[in-house]
């Protein structure tokens, strides 16, 4: 199967996906390319989509929302990809930041940081809808004073589950990645069958 190419806003998302995806989707081949923030990512998207020559590669763009208009942001990124000649790019928005995905699974946080008190985070009203938290990174810093973005992503990558997360944006991202992976596997299977038929001619 061809590779999935992730174009990401920052290193912490790469660290998370590098640890998380091999656990949850072990059959998937992928590469994560981090950028230096939102502007760097958006400038890079057209260049990479036009220049990438790897046969069968499929792209995924993931960016934080950071308090913006989520549907409008996604629409703008999709249009950017389309204008670069790729209409098959999967675009996903982390609402509002990557750290909302952590708050969405308190049991994973408790395990990752060795603090059983974090198990009760989900019972507090302000944490019940993690995607609605305006600055999840600031909330994480209150809950886990020693939290650092990259090392925290590495810890969470080993603990997050596929179906136990209350973040809608996490679930939507994983759903999209799994569907894309299944589509790529089907395409590879069909190509293999086609090659076998040609080899028998």
N, C-alpha and C. Protein backbone atom coordinates (compact mmCIF):
# COMPACT_ATOMS: atom_id res chain seq x y z
N UNK A 1 0.84 -1.20 0.00
CA UNK A 1 0.00 0.00 0.00
C UNK A 1 0.87 1.24 0.00
N UNK A 2 0.46 2.28 -0.73
CA UNK A 2 1.19 3.54 -0.77
C UNK A 2 1.12 4.25 0.57
N UNK A 3 1.95 5.27 0.72
CA UNK A 3 2.01 5.99 1.99
C UNK A 3 0.96 7.09 2.09
N UNK A 4 0.56 7.35 3.34
CA UNK A 4 -0.24 8.50 3.67
C UNK A 4 0.72 9.58 4.15
N UNK A 5 0.59 10.78 3.61
CA UNK A 5 1.49 11.89 3.92
C UNK A 5 0.72 12.92 4.74
N UNK A 6 1.14 13.12 5.99
CA UNK A 6 0.49 14.08 6.87
C UNK A 6 1.24 15.41 6.85
N UNK A 7 0.54 16.48 6.51
CA UNK A 7 1.09 17.83 6.57
C UNK A 7 0.51 18.48 7.82
N UNK A 8 1.40 18.80 8.77
CA UNK A 8 0.96 19.17 10.12
C UNK A 8 1.46 20.55 10.50
N UNK A 9 0.73 21.16 11.41
CA UNK A 9 1.06 22.52 11.86
C UNK A 9 2.33 22.57 12.69
N UNK A 10 2.56 21.55 13.52
CA UNK A 10 3.68 21.64 14.45
C UNK A 10 4.18 20.25 14.85
N UNK A 11 5.31 20.26 15.54
CA UNK A 11 6.00 19.02 15.89
C UNK A 11 5.21 18.16 16.87
N UNK A 12 4.45 18.78 17.76
CA UNK A 12 3.73 17.98 18.76
C UNK A 12 2.70 17.05 18.12
N UNK A 13 2.04 17.50 17.04
CA UNK A 13 1.09 16.63 16.34
C UNK A 13 1.83 15.47 15.67
N UNK A 14 3.00 15.75 15.10
CA UNK A 14 3.81 14.67 14.52
C UNK A 14 4.17 13.65 15.59
N UNK A 15 4.60 14.12 16.76
CA UNK A 15 4.98 13.22 17.84
C UNK A 15 3.80 12.35 18.26
N UNK A 16 2.62 12.96 18.36
CA UNK A 16 1.43 12.20 18.73
C UNK A 16 1.12 11.13 17.68
N UNK A 17 1.04 11.52 16.41
CA UNK A 17 0.65 10.58 15.37
C UNK A 17 1.70 9.49 15.16
N UNK A 18 2.98 9.85 15.29
CA UNK A 18 4.04 8.85 15.12
C UNK A 18 3.93 7.72 16.16
N UNK A 19 3.42 8.07 17.34
CA UNK A 19 3.25 7.05 18.38
C UNK A 19 1.89 6.40 18.37
N UNK A 20 0.87 7.17 17.98
CA UNK A 20 -0.52 6.70 18.07
C UNK A 20 -0.93 5.80 16.92
N UNK A 21 -0.64 6.21 15.69
CA UNK A 21 -1.16 5.50 14.52
C UNK A 21 -0.63 4.07 14.39
N UNK A 22 0.65 3.81 14.67
CA UNK A 22 1.10 2.41 14.59
C UNK A 22 0.39 1.49 15.59
N UNK A 23 -0.08 2.06 16.71
CA UNK A 23 -0.85 1.26 17.67
C UNK A 23 -2.26 1.00 17.18
N UNK A 24 -2.91 2.04 16.65
CA UNK A 24 -4.33 1.94 16.30
C UNK A 24 -4.57 1.41 14.89
N UNK A 25 -3.65 1.72 13.96
CA UNK A 25 -3.80 1.27 12.56
C UNK A 25 -2.46 0.71 12.11
N UNK A 26 -2.07 -0.45 12.62
CA UNK A 26 -0.71 -0.96 12.38
C UNK A 26 -0.42 -1.26 10.92
N UNK A 27 -1.45 -1.46 10.10
CA UNK A 27 -1.22 -1.79 8.70
C UNK A 27 -0.90 -0.57 7.85
N UNK A 28 -0.99 0.62 8.41
CA UNK A 28 -0.86 1.84 7.63
C UNK A 28 0.59 2.28 7.50
N UNK A 29 0.98 2.67 6.29
CA UNK A 29 2.29 3.26 6.05
C UNK A 29 2.11 4.77 5.93
N UNK A 30 2.91 5.54 6.65
CA UNK A 30 2.71 7.00 6.64
C UNK A 30 3.99 7.74 6.98
N UNK A 31 3.97 9.02 6.67
CA UNK A 31 5.05 9.94 7.05
C UNK A 31 4.42 11.23 7.52
N UNK A 32 4.95 11.81 8.59
CA UNK A 32 4.43 13.07 9.14
C UNK A 32 5.44 14.19 8.89
N UNK A 33 4.96 15.29 8.32
CA UNK A 33 5.82 16.44 8.03
C UNK A 33 5.31 17.63 8.83
N UNK A 34 6.02 18.01 9.90
CA UNK A 34 5.59 19.15 10.72
C UNK A 34 6.05 20.48 10.11
N UNK A 35 5.37 21.54 10.48
CA UNK A 35 5.73 22.88 10.02
C UNK A 35 5.88 23.81 11.22
N UNK A 36 6.32 25.02 10.95
CA UNK A 36 6.54 26.00 12.02
C UNK A 36 5.33 26.90 12.17
N UNK A 37 4.18 26.30 12.46
CA UNK A 37 2.98 27.08 12.69
C UNK A 37 2.05 27.10 11.49
N UNK A 38 0.94 27.80 11.64
CA UNK A 38 -0.14 27.79 10.66
C UNK A 38 0.27 28.40 9.33
N UNK A 39 0.92 29.57 9.37
CA UNK A 39 1.29 30.24 8.12
C UNK A 39 2.28 29.42 7.32
N UNK A 40 3.25 28.81 8.02
CA UNK A 40 4.23 27.97 7.34
C UNK A 40 3.54 26.77 6.69
N UNK A 41 2.59 26.17 7.40
CA UNK A 41 1.85 25.04 6.85
C UNK A 41 1.10 25.44 5.59
N UNK A 42 0.36 26.53 5.67
CA UNK A 42 -0.47 26.93 4.53
C UNK A 42 0.36 27.36 3.33
N UNK A 43 1.52 27.95 3.56
CA UNK A 43 2.42 28.27 2.44
C UNK A 43 3.00 27.00 1.82
N UNK A 44 3.21 26.01 2.66
CA UNK A 44 3.85 24.77 2.21
C UNK A 44 2.91 23.85 1.43
N UNK A 45 1.62 23.90 1.75
CA UNK A 45 0.66 22.96 1.15
C UNK A 45 0.72 22.97 -0.38
N UNK A 46 0.59 24.13 -1.05
CA UNK A 46 0.61 24.10 -2.52
C UNK A 46 1.91 23.57 -3.08
N UNK A 47 3.03 23.96 -2.48
CA UNK A 47 4.34 23.50 -2.98
C UNK A 47 4.46 21.98 -2.88
N UNK A 48 4.09 21.44 -1.74
CA UNK A 48 4.25 20.00 -1.55
C UNK A 48 3.26 19.20 -2.40
N UNK A 49 2.03 19.66 -2.50
CA UNK A 49 1.05 18.93 -3.30
C UNK A 49 1.45 18.89 -4.77
N UNK A 50 2.02 19.98 -5.27
CA UNK A 50 2.41 20.04 -6.67
C UNK A 50 3.72 19.28 -6.94
N UNK A 51 4.62 19.27 -5.96
CA UNK A 51 5.95 18.71 -6.19
C UNK A 51 6.06 17.23 -5.85
N UNK A 52 5.14 16.71 -5.03
CA UNK A 52 5.26 15.32 -4.55
C UNK A 52 5.03 14.35 -5.71
N UNK A 53 5.98 13.46 -5.93
CA UNK A 53 5.92 12.57 -7.09
C UNK A 53 5.76 11.09 -6.71
N UNK A 54 5.59 10.80 -5.44
CA UNK A 54 5.48 9.41 -5.00
C UNK A 54 4.18 8.80 -5.50
N UNK A 55 4.23 7.73 -6.27
CA UNK A 55 3.02 7.13 -6.83
C UNK A 55 2.06 6.66 -5.73
N UNK A 56 0.80 7.04 -5.88
CA UNK A 56 -0.23 6.56 -4.96
C UNK A 56 -0.30 7.25 -3.62
N UNK A 57 0.59 8.20 -3.35
CA UNK A 57 0.59 8.88 -2.05
C UNK A 57 -0.70 9.67 -1.89
N UNK A 58 -1.24 9.64 -0.68
CA UNK A 58 -2.45 10.41 -0.36
C UNK A 58 -2.13 11.33 0.80
N UNK A 59 -2.72 12.52 0.79
CA UNK A 59 -2.36 13.56 1.74
C UNK A 59 -3.46 13.80 2.78
N UNK A 60 -2.99 14.13 3.99
CA UNK A 60 -3.87 14.53 5.08
C UNK A 60 -3.31 15.82 5.67
N UNK A 61 -4.15 16.84 5.77
CA UNK A 61 -3.76 18.11 6.38
C UNK A 61 -4.49 18.24 7.71
N UNK A 62 -3.73 18.49 8.78
CA UNK A 62 -4.34 18.69 10.10
C UNK A 62 -3.84 20.02 10.67
N UNK A 63 -4.78 20.86 11.07
CA UNK A 63 -4.45 22.17 11.62
C UNK A 63 -5.33 22.48 12.80
N UNK A 64 -4.80 23.17 13.81
CA UNK A 64 -5.61 23.64 14.94
C UNK A 64 -6.59 24.70 14.46
N UNK A 65 -7.73 24.79 15.13
CA UNK A 65 -8.69 25.83 14.83
C UNK A 65 -8.36 27.13 15.56
N UNK A 66 -7.95 27.01 16.83
CA UNK A 66 -7.54 28.17 17.62
C UNK A 66 -8.60 29.26 17.68
N UNK A 67 -9.85 28.87 17.95
CA UNK A 67 -10.90 29.86 18.15
C UNK A 67 -11.51 30.43 16.90
N UNK A 68 -11.11 29.93 15.72
CA UNK A 68 -11.66 30.45 14.48
C UNK A 68 -12.98 29.80 14.12
N UNK A 69 -13.44 30.10 12.92
CA UNK A 69 -14.66 29.50 12.38
C UNK A 69 -14.26 28.18 11.75
N UNK A 70 -14.57 27.07 12.41
CA UNK A 70 -14.07 25.76 11.99
C UNK A 70 -14.51 25.39 10.57
N UNK A 71 -15.82 25.48 10.23
CA UNK A 71 -16.23 25.14 8.85
C UNK A 71 -15.57 26.02 7.80
N UNK A 72 -15.44 27.32 8.11
CA UNK A 72 -14.82 28.24 7.14
C UNK A 72 -13.34 27.92 6.95
N UNK A 73 -12.66 27.58 8.05
CA UNK A 73 -11.25 27.23 7.97
C UNK A 73 -11.06 25.96 7.13
N UNK A 74 -11.89 24.96 7.40
CA UNK A 74 -11.78 23.71 6.63
C UNK A 74 -12.05 23.97 5.16
N UNK A 75 -13.07 24.77 4.86
CA UNK A 75 -13.40 25.08 3.47
C UNK A 75 -12.24 25.77 2.78
N UNK A 76 -11.58 26.70 3.50
CA UNK A 76 -10.44 27.42 2.92
C UNK A 76 -9.28 26.48 2.63
N UNK A 77 -9.00 25.55 3.54
CA UNK A 77 -7.91 24.60 3.33
C UNK A 77 -8.22 23.64 2.20
N UNK A 78 -9.49 23.18 2.12
CA UNK A 78 -9.89 22.31 1.02
C UNK A 78 -9.72 23.03 -0.32
N UNK A 79 -10.12 24.31 -0.37
CA UNK A 79 -9.97 25.10 -1.60
C UNK A 79 -8.50 25.26 -1.97
N UNK A 80 -7.66 25.44 -0.97
CA UNK A 80 -6.22 25.57 -1.20
C UNK A 80 -5.67 24.28 -1.82
N UNK A 81 -6.10 23.15 -1.30
CA UNK A 81 -5.66 21.86 -1.84
C UNK A 81 -6.19 21.67 -3.26
N UNK A 82 -7.46 21.99 -3.48
CA UNK A 82 -8.06 21.83 -4.80
C UNK A 82 -7.34 22.68 -5.84
N UNK A 83 -7.00 23.91 -5.45
CA UNK A 83 -6.32 24.82 -6.39
C UNK A 83 -4.90 24.35 -6.70
N UNK A 84 -4.39 23.44 -5.87
CA UNK A 84 -3.05 22.89 -6.10
C UNK A 84 -3.09 21.61 -6.93
N UNK A 85 -4.30 21.26 -7.39
CA UNK A 85 -4.44 20.10 -8.26
C UNK A 85 -4.73 18.81 -7.54
N UNK A 86 -5.03 18.87 -6.24
CA UNK A 86 -5.34 17.65 -5.49
C UNK A 86 -6.71 17.81 -4.84
N UNK A 87 -7.68 17.09 -5.37
CA UNK A 87 -9.04 17.16 -4.81
C UNK A 87 -9.30 16.01 -3.85
N UNK A 88 -8.29 15.17 -3.60
CA UNK A 88 -8.47 13.99 -2.77
C UNK A 88 -7.80 14.12 -1.41
N UNK A 89 -7.45 15.35 -1.01
CA UNK A 89 -6.78 15.58 0.27
C UNK A 89 -7.79 15.54 1.40
N UNK A 90 -7.45 14.80 2.47
CA UNK A 90 -8.28 14.78 3.67
C UNK A 90 -7.86 15.94 4.57
N UNK A 91 -8.79 16.83 4.87
CA UNK A 91 -8.52 17.98 5.74
C UNK A 91 -9.27 17.80 7.05
N UNK A 92 -8.54 17.91 8.15
CA UNK A 92 -9.15 17.80 9.46
C UNK A 92 -8.67 18.95 10.35
N UNK A 93 -9.60 19.43 11.19
CA UNK A 93 -9.32 20.54 12.10
C UNK A 93 -9.38 20.05 13.54
N UNK A 94 -8.33 20.32 14.30
CA UNK A 94 -8.34 20.01 15.74
C UNK A 94 -8.99 21.18 16.46
N UNK A 95 -10.13 20.94 17.11
CA UNK A 95 -10.86 22.00 17.80
C UNK A 95 -10.62 21.91 19.31
N UNK A 96 -10.18 22.98 19.95
CA UNK A 96 -9.61 24.15 19.32
C UNK A 96 -8.08 23.96 19.10
N UNK A 97 -7.51 23.10 19.91
CA UNK A 97 -6.09 22.77 19.83
C UNK A 97 -5.93 21.26 20.04
N UNK A 98 -4.75 20.77 19.70
CA UNK A 98 -4.45 19.36 19.90
C UNK A 98 -4.76 18.91 21.32
N UNK A 99 -4.50 19.76 22.31
CA UNK A 99 -4.67 19.37 23.70
C UNK A 99 -6.11 19.04 24.07
N UNK A 100 -7.08 19.51 23.26
CA UNK A 100 -8.49 19.13 23.51
C UNK A 100 -8.66 17.62 23.36
N UNK A 101 -7.87 17.01 22.49
CA UNK A 101 -7.95 15.56 22.31
C UNK A 101 -7.52 14.84 23.59
N UNK A 102 -6.59 15.42 24.32
CA UNK A 102 -6.15 14.81 25.58
C UNK A 102 -7.23 14.93 26.64
N UNK A 103 -7.80 16.14 26.75
CA UNK A 103 -8.86 16.37 27.73
C UNK A 103 -10.07 15.48 27.42
N UNK A 104 -10.23 15.12 26.15
CA UNK A 104 -11.34 14.27 25.75
C UNK A 104 -11.26 12.85 26.28
N UNK A 105 -10.11 12.45 26.79
CA UNK A 105 -9.99 11.10 27.36
C UNK A 105 -9.24 11.19 28.69
N UNK A 106 -9.94 11.56 29.77
CA UNK A 106 -9.29 11.74 31.07
C UNK A 106 -8.54 10.51 31.56
N UNK A 107 -9.07 9.32 31.28
CA UNK A 107 -8.41 8.09 31.74
C UNK A 107 -7.03 7.95 31.10
N UNK A 108 -6.92 8.36 29.83
CA UNK A 108 -5.63 8.32 29.16
C UNK A 108 -4.67 9.33 29.78
N UNK A 109 -5.18 10.51 30.12
CA UNK A 109 -4.34 11.51 30.79
C UNK A 109 -3.84 10.99 32.13
N UNK A 110 -4.75 10.39 32.88
CA UNK A 110 -4.38 9.86 34.21
C UNK A 110 -3.27 8.82 34.08
N UNK A 111 -3.39 7.96 33.08
CA UNK A 111 -2.37 6.93 32.86
C UNK A 111 -1.07 7.53 32.37
N UNK A 112 -1.16 8.46 31.43
CA UNK A 112 0.03 9.05 30.83
C UNK A 112 0.87 9.82 31.84
N UNK A 113 0.19 10.52 32.75
CA UNK A 113 0.91 11.37 33.70
C UNK A 113 0.94 10.82 35.11
N UNK A 114 0.47 9.59 35.27
CA UNK A 114 0.55 8.93 36.57
C UNK A 114 -0.18 9.67 37.67
N UNK A 115 -1.37 10.18 37.34
CA UNK A 115 -2.15 10.96 38.31
C UNK A 115 -3.60 10.51 38.26
N UNK A 116 -4.02 9.69 39.20
CA UNK A 116 -5.36 9.13 39.19
C UNK A 116 -6.45 10.19 39.35
N UNK A 117 -6.09 11.36 39.90
CA UNK A 117 -7.09 12.42 40.06
C UNK A 117 -7.61 12.93 38.72
N UNK A 118 -6.83 12.74 37.66
CA UNK A 118 -7.24 13.19 36.34
C UNK A 118 -8.41 12.36 35.79
N UNK A 119 -8.65 11.20 36.37
CA UNK A 119 -9.77 10.38 35.93
C UNK A 119 -11.11 11.11 36.08
N UNK A 120 -11.17 12.05 37.02
CA UNK A 120 -12.43 12.74 37.31
C UNK A 120 -12.63 14.01 36.49
N UNK A 121 -11.69 14.34 35.61
CA UNK A 121 -11.77 15.59 34.84
C UNK A 121 -13.06 15.65 34.04
N UNK A 122 -13.46 14.53 33.44
CA UNK A 122 -14.64 14.53 32.57
C UNK A 122 -15.94 14.83 33.29
N UNK A 123 -15.95 14.73 34.62
CA UNK A 123 -17.19 15.01 35.36
C UNK A 123 -17.40 16.50 35.60
N UNK A 124 -16.38 17.30 35.32
CA UNK A 124 -16.49 18.75 35.52
C UNK A 124 -17.11 19.38 34.28
N UNK A 125 -18.06 20.26 34.48
CA UNK A 125 -18.87 20.78 33.37
C UNK A 125 -18.01 21.44 32.30
N UNK A 126 -16.97 22.15 32.68
CA UNK A 126 -16.20 22.89 31.68
C UNK A 126 -15.34 21.98 30.81
N UNK A 127 -15.21 20.71 31.18
CA UNK A 127 -14.40 19.78 30.41
C UNK A 127 -15.25 18.75 29.65
N UNK A 128 -16.56 18.80 29.79
CA UNK A 128 -17.40 17.77 29.18
C UNK A 128 -17.41 17.84 27.66
N UNK A 129 -17.27 19.04 27.12
CA UNK A 129 -17.16 19.21 25.66
C UNK A 129 -15.77 19.77 25.37
N UNK A 130 -14.78 18.89 25.20
CA UNK A 130 -13.39 19.37 25.06
C UNK A 130 -13.19 20.28 23.85
N UNK A 131 -13.97 20.06 22.77
CA UNK A 131 -13.79 20.89 21.58
C UNK A 131 -14.26 22.32 21.79
N UNK A 132 -15.05 22.57 22.84
CA UNK A 132 -15.57 23.92 23.10
C UNK A 132 -14.63 24.73 23.99
N UNK A 133 -13.61 24.09 24.54
CA UNK A 133 -12.65 24.80 25.39
C UNK A 133 -11.79 25.71 24.52
N UNK A 134 -11.76 27.00 24.84
CA UNK A 134 -11.09 27.96 23.98
C UNK A 134 -9.57 27.77 23.92
N UNK A 135 -8.96 27.48 25.04
CA UNK A 135 -7.50 27.28 25.07
C UNK A 135 -7.18 26.00 25.86
N UNK A 136 -7.35 24.86 25.24
CA UNK A 136 -7.10 23.59 25.94
C UNK A 136 -5.68 23.47 26.47
N UNK A 137 -4.71 24.04 25.77
CA UNK A 137 -3.33 23.95 26.24
C UNK A 137 -3.16 24.64 27.59
N UNK A 138 -3.89 25.72 27.79
CA UNK A 138 -3.82 26.43 29.07
C UNK A 138 -4.49 25.60 30.17
N UNK A 139 -5.59 24.94 29.82
CA UNK A 139 -6.28 24.08 30.80
C UNK A 139 -5.42 22.87 31.18
N UNK A 140 -4.75 22.30 30.19
CA UNK A 140 -3.85 21.18 30.46
C UNK A 140 -2.75 21.60 31.43
N UNK A 141 -2.22 22.80 31.24
CA UNK A 141 -1.15 23.30 32.11
C UNK A 141 -1.63 23.43 33.55
N UNK A 142 -2.92 23.72 33.74
CA UNK A 142 -3.47 23.78 35.09
C UNK A 142 -3.62 22.39 35.68
N UNK A 143 -4.05 21.44 34.84
CA UNK A 143 -4.28 20.08 35.32
C UNK A 143 -2.97 19.31 35.52
N UNK A 144 -2.00 19.59 34.64
CA UNK A 144 -0.72 18.87 34.68
C UNK A 144 0.39 19.93 34.61
N UNK A 145 0.80 20.47 35.76
CA UNK A 145 1.76 21.58 35.76
C UNK A 145 3.07 21.27 35.03
N UNK A 146 3.46 20.00 34.99
CA UNK A 146 4.73 19.64 34.34
C UNK A 146 4.57 19.43 32.84
N UNK A 147 3.37 19.69 32.30
CA UNK A 147 3.09 19.39 30.89
C UNK A 147 3.99 20.18 29.94
N UNK A 148 4.55 19.48 28.97
CA UNK A 148 5.28 20.08 27.85
C UNK A 148 4.68 19.51 26.56
N UNK A 149 4.60 20.34 25.52
CA UNK A 149 3.84 19.95 24.33
C UNK A 149 4.37 18.67 23.68
N UNK A 150 5.66 18.59 23.44
CA UNK A 150 6.19 17.44 22.71
C UNK A 150 6.27 16.20 23.59
N UNK A 151 6.81 16.34 24.78
CA UNK A 151 6.89 15.18 25.67
C UNK A 151 5.49 14.73 26.09
N UNK A 152 4.56 15.68 26.24
CA UNK A 152 3.17 15.34 26.56
C UNK A 152 2.52 14.57 25.42
N UNK A 153 2.81 14.98 24.19
CA UNK A 153 2.27 14.27 23.03
C UNK A 153 2.80 12.84 22.99
N UNK A 154 4.06 12.67 23.34
CA UNK A 154 4.66 11.32 23.34
C UNK A 154 3.99 10.44 24.39
N UNK A 155 3.72 11.00 25.56
CA UNK A 155 3.04 10.23 26.62
C UNK A 155 1.62 9.87 26.22
N UNK A 156 0.91 10.84 25.66
CA UNK A 156 -0.48 10.60 25.30
C UNK A 156 -0.61 9.62 24.14
N UNK A 157 0.37 9.61 23.26
CA UNK A 157 0.33 8.70 22.12
C UNK A 157 0.26 7.24 22.55
N UNK A 158 0.85 6.94 23.69
CA UNK A 158 0.87 5.56 24.17
C UNK A 158 -0.38 5.19 24.96
N UNK A 159 -1.25 6.18 25.20
CA UNK A 159 -2.40 5.93 26.09
C UNK A 159 -3.76 6.20 25.46
N UNK A 160 -3.85 7.09 24.48
CA UNK A 160 -5.15 7.39 23.87
C UNK A 160 -5.74 6.13 23.23
N UNK A 161 -7.05 5.99 23.33
CA UNK A 161 -7.73 4.85 22.72
C UNK A 161 -8.47 5.30 21.46
N UNK A 162 -8.96 4.34 20.71
CA UNK A 162 -9.67 4.68 19.46
C UNK A 162 -11.06 5.21 19.74
N UNK A 163 -11.79 4.60 20.67
CA UNK A 163 -13.22 4.89 20.81
C UNK A 163 -13.61 5.53 22.13
N UNK A 164 -12.65 5.83 23.00
CA UNK A 164 -13.00 6.35 24.31
C UNK A 164 -12.90 7.85 24.44
N UNK A 165 -12.77 8.55 23.31
CA UNK A 165 -12.50 9.99 23.36
C UNK A 165 -13.78 10.80 23.16
N UNK A 166 -13.98 11.83 23.99
CA UNK A 166 -15.17 12.68 23.90
C UNK A 166 -14.98 13.85 22.94
N UNK A 167 -13.79 13.99 22.35
CA UNK A 167 -13.57 15.06 21.39
C UNK A 167 -14.11 14.65 20.02
N UNK A 168 -15.06 15.41 19.52
CA UNK A 168 -15.62 15.11 18.20
C UNK A 168 -14.57 15.26 17.11
N UNK A 169 -13.69 16.23 17.26
CA UNK A 169 -12.67 16.44 16.23
C UNK A 169 -11.66 15.29 16.21
N UNK A 170 -11.37 14.71 17.38
CA UNK A 170 -10.50 13.52 17.40
C UNK A 170 -11.17 12.36 16.68
N UNK A 171 -12.44 12.12 17.00
CA UNK A 171 -13.14 11.00 16.38
C UNK A 171 -13.27 11.21 14.87
N UNK A 172 -13.56 12.44 14.45
CA UNK A 172 -13.69 12.73 13.02
C UNK A 172 -12.35 12.52 12.30
N UNK A 173 -11.28 12.91 12.97
CA UNK A 173 -9.95 12.73 12.37
C UNK A 173 -9.63 11.25 12.21
N UNK A 174 -9.85 10.48 13.25
CA UNK A 174 -9.57 9.05 13.17
C UNK A 174 -10.48 8.35 12.16
N UNK A 175 -11.75 8.73 12.13
CA UNK A 175 -12.68 8.14 11.16
C UNK A 175 -12.18 8.40 9.73
N UNK A 176 -11.77 9.63 9.48
CA UNK A 176 -11.29 10.00 8.14
C UNK A 176 -10.03 9.24 7.76
N UNK A 177 -9.10 9.13 8.70
CA UNK A 177 -7.86 8.41 8.42
C UNK A 177 -8.14 6.94 8.14
N UNK A 178 -9.02 6.34 8.93
CA UNK A 178 -9.34 4.93 8.72
C UNK A 178 -10.03 4.69 7.38
N UNK A 179 -10.93 5.59 7.00
CA UNK A 179 -11.60 5.45 5.70
C UNK A 179 -10.59 5.59 4.56
N UNK A 180 -9.70 6.56 4.69
CA UNK A 180 -8.68 6.76 3.65
C UNK A 180 -7.76 5.56 3.56
N UNK A 181 -7.38 5.02 4.69
CA UNK A 181 -6.52 3.84 4.72
C UNK A 181 -7.20 2.66 4.03
N UNK A 182 -8.49 2.45 4.33
CA UNK A 182 -9.24 1.36 3.72
C UNK A 182 -9.34 1.55 2.21
N UNK A 183 -9.54 2.80 1.78
CA UNK A 183 -9.61 3.10 0.36
C UNK A 183 -8.28 2.80 -0.33
N UNK A 184 -7.19 3.17 0.31
CA UNK A 184 -5.86 2.92 -0.26
C UNK A 184 -5.57 1.42 -0.33
N UNK A 185 -6.00 0.68 0.68
CA UNK A 185 -5.82 -0.77 0.66
C UNK A 185 -6.61 -1.40 -0.48
N UNK A 186 -7.83 -0.92 -0.69
CA UNK A 186 -8.67 -1.43 -1.77
C UNK A 186 -8.04 -1.13 -3.12
N UNK A 187 -7.53 0.08 -3.28
CA UNK A 187 -6.87 0.45 -4.54
C UNK A 187 -5.64 -0.43 -4.78
N UNK A 188 -4.87 -0.68 -3.71
CA UNK A 188 -3.67 -1.52 -3.85
C UNK A 188 -4.05 -2.95 -4.22
N UNK A 189 -5.14 -3.45 -3.64
CA UNK A 189 -5.61 -4.80 -3.95
C UNK A 189 -6.05 -4.90 -5.40
N UNK A 190 -6.80 -3.90 -5.85
CA UNK A 190 -7.26 -3.91 -7.24
C UNK A 190 -6.10 -3.82 -8.21
N UNK A 191 -5.11 -3.00 -7.86
CA UNK A 191 -3.93 -2.87 -8.72
C UNK A 191 -3.15 -4.19 -8.76
N UNK A 192 -3.06 -4.87 -7.60
CA UNK A 192 -2.38 -6.16 -7.54
C UNK A 192 -3.08 -7.20 -8.41
N UNK A 193 -4.42 -7.22 -8.35
CA UNK A 193 -5.17 -8.16 -9.18
C UNK A 193 -4.99 -7.85 -10.66
N UNK A 194 -4.95 -6.55 -10.97
CA UNK A 194 -4.75 -6.13 -12.37
C UNK A 194 -3.38 -6.55 -12.86
N UNK A 195 -2.35 -6.35 -12.02
CA UNK A 195 -0.99 -6.73 -12.40
C UNK A 195 -0.89 -8.24 -12.60
N UNK A 196 -1.59 -9.01 -11.74
CA UNK A 196 -1.56 -10.47 -11.86
C UNK A 196 -2.18 -10.92 -13.19
N UNK A 197 -3.29 -10.27 -13.55
CA UNK A 197 -3.95 -10.62 -14.82
C UNK A 197 -3.04 -10.33 -16.00
N UNK A 198 -2.36 -9.17 -15.95
CA UNK A 198 -1.45 -8.81 -17.02
C UNK A 198 -0.28 -9.78 -17.09
N UNK A 199 0.17 -10.26 -15.91
CA UNK A 199 1.29 -11.18 -15.87
C UNK A 199 0.94 -12.54 -16.45
N UNK A 200 -0.37 -12.86 -16.46
CA UNK A 200 -0.80 -14.15 -16.99
C UNK A 200 -1.09 -14.09 -18.49
N UNK A 201 -1.16 -12.86 -19.02
CA UNK A 201 -1.44 -12.71 -20.46
C UNK A 201 -0.24 -13.13 -21.32
